[in-house]
Amino acid sequence: MLRSKKLKTIKPIKPMDRMQNMQTIKPIGATKWVKAHWRYNYGTGNWEWILGHWSK
């Protein structure tokens, strides 16, 4: 029996960007500042605003 692939829902249009938060003091081990951005959540079907953060 063949399984059919689950279809992803179509993403709504991404909202306008919000204000960027200020860059914080760099923690130990962090190398790159990631600007604030939108991320799509497939579970809820909504866009989420992610604040700027440090990445390793």
C-alpha atoms as a PDB file:
ATOM      1  CA  MET A   1       0.000   0.000   0.000  1.00  0.00           C
ATOM      2  CA  LEU A   2       1.388   3.414  -0.970  1.00  0.00           C
ATOM      3  CA  ARG A   3       1.208   6.293   1.436  1.00  0.00           C
ATOM      4  CA  SER A   4       0.240   9.676   0.106  1.00  0.00           C
ATOM      5  CA  LYS A   5       2.455  12.589   1.026  1.00  0.00           C
ATOM      6  CA  LYS A   6       1.039  15.128   3.464  1.00  0.00           C
ATOM      7  CA  LEU A   7       0.490  18.433   1.686  1.00  0.00           C
ATOM      8  CA  LYS A   8       1.699  21.601   3.393  1.00  0.00           C
ATOM      9  CA  THR A   9      -0.734  24.472   3.623  1.00  0.00           C
ATOM     10  CA  ILE A  10      -0.005  27.593   1.616  1.00  0.00           C
ATOM     11  CA  LYS A  11       1.752  30.270   3.668  1.00  0.00           C
ATOM     12  CA  PRO A  12      -0.056  33.595   4.021  1.00  0.00           C
ATOM     13  CA  ILE A  13       1.793  36.745   2.964  1.00  0.00           C
ATOM     14  CA  LYS A  14       4.586  37.685   5.364  1.00  0.00           C
ATOM     15  CA  PRO A  15       3.705  40.760   7.498  1.00  0.00           C
ATOM     16  CA  MET A  16       5.718  43.986   7.418  1.00  0.00           C
ATOM     17  CA  ASP A  17       8.895  43.978   9.499  1.00  0.00           C
ATOM     18  CA  ARG A  18       8.759  45.496  12.970  1.00  0.00           C
ATOM     19  CA  MET A  19      11.370  47.590  14.725  1.00  0.00           C
ATOM     20  CA  GLN A  20      14.716  45.900  15.289  1.00  0.00           C
ATOM     21  CA  ASN A  21      15.796  45.447  18.898  1.00  0.00           C
ATOM     22  CA  MET A  22      19.158  46.779  20.069  1.00  0.00           C
ATOM     23  CA  GLN A  23      22.157  44.472  19.846  1.00  0.00           C
ATOM     24  CA  THR A  24      22.973  43.148  23.317  1.00  0.00           C
ATOM     25  CA  ILE A  25      26.328  42.362  24.897  1.00  0.00           C
ATOM     26  CA  LYS A  26      27.895  39.349  23.205  1.00  0.00           C
ATOM     27  CA  PRO A  27      27.733  36.219  25.409  1.00  0.00           C
ATOM     28  CA  ILE A  28      30.673  33.827  25.658  1.00  0.00           C
ATOM     29  CA  GLY A  29      30.801  31.467  22.679  1.00  0.00           C
ATOM     30  CA  ALA A  30      28.536  33.561  20.453  1.00  0.00           C
ATOM     31  CA  THR A  31      29.886  34.590  17.067  1.00  0.00           C
ATOM     32  CA  LYS A  32      27.104  36.183  15.006  1.00  0.00           C
ATOM     33  CA  TRP A  33      24.222  38.604  15.664  1.00  0.00           C
ATOM     34  CA  VAL A  34      21.022  37.496  13.918  1.00  0.00           C
ATOM     35  CA  LYS A  35      18.653  40.387  13.160  1.00  0.00           C
ATOM     36  CA  ALA A  36      14.999  40.151  14.176  1.00  0.00           C
ATOM     37  CA  HIS A  37      12.935  38.286  11.557  1.00  0.00           C
ATOM     38  CA  TRP A  38       9.657  36.542  10.822  1.00  0.00           C
ATOM     39  CA  ARG A  39       9.380  32.742  11.116  1.00  0.00           C
ATOM     40  CA  TYR A  40       6.443  30.703   9.836  1.00  0.00           C
ATOM     41  CA  ASN A  41       5.018  28.132  12.273  1.00  0.00           C
ATOM     42  CA  TYR A  42       3.508  25.234  10.302  1.00  0.00           C
ATOM     43  CA  GLY A  43       1.805  23.874  13.447  1.00  0.00           C
ATOM     44  CA  THR A  44      -0.352  26.947  14.034  1.00  0.00           C
ATOM     45  CA  GLY A  45      -0.217  28.337  10.483  1.00  0.00           C
ATOM     46  CA  ASN A  46       0.886  31.778  11.686  1.00  0.00           C
ATOM     47  CA  TRP A  47       3.938  34.010  11.304  1.00  0.00           C
ATOM     48  CA  GLU A  48       5.933  34.634  14.522  1.00  0.00           C
ATOM     49  CA  TRP A  49       8.206  37.626  15.145  1.00  0.00           C
ATOM     50  CA  ILE A  50      11.603  36.441  16.433  1.00  0.00           C
ATOM     51  CA  LEU A  51      13.664  39.080  18.238  1.00  0.00           C
ATOM     52  CA  GLY A  52      17.314  39.575  17.377  1.00  0.00           C
ATOM     53  CA  HIS A  53      19.624  37.096  19.095  1.00  0.00           C
ATOM     54  CA  TRP A  54      23.174  35.784  19.178  1.00  0.00           C
ATOM     55  CA  SER A  55      24.107  32.604  17.310  1.00  0.00           C
ATOM     56  CA  LYS A  56      27.096  30.287  17.732  1.00  0.00           C
END
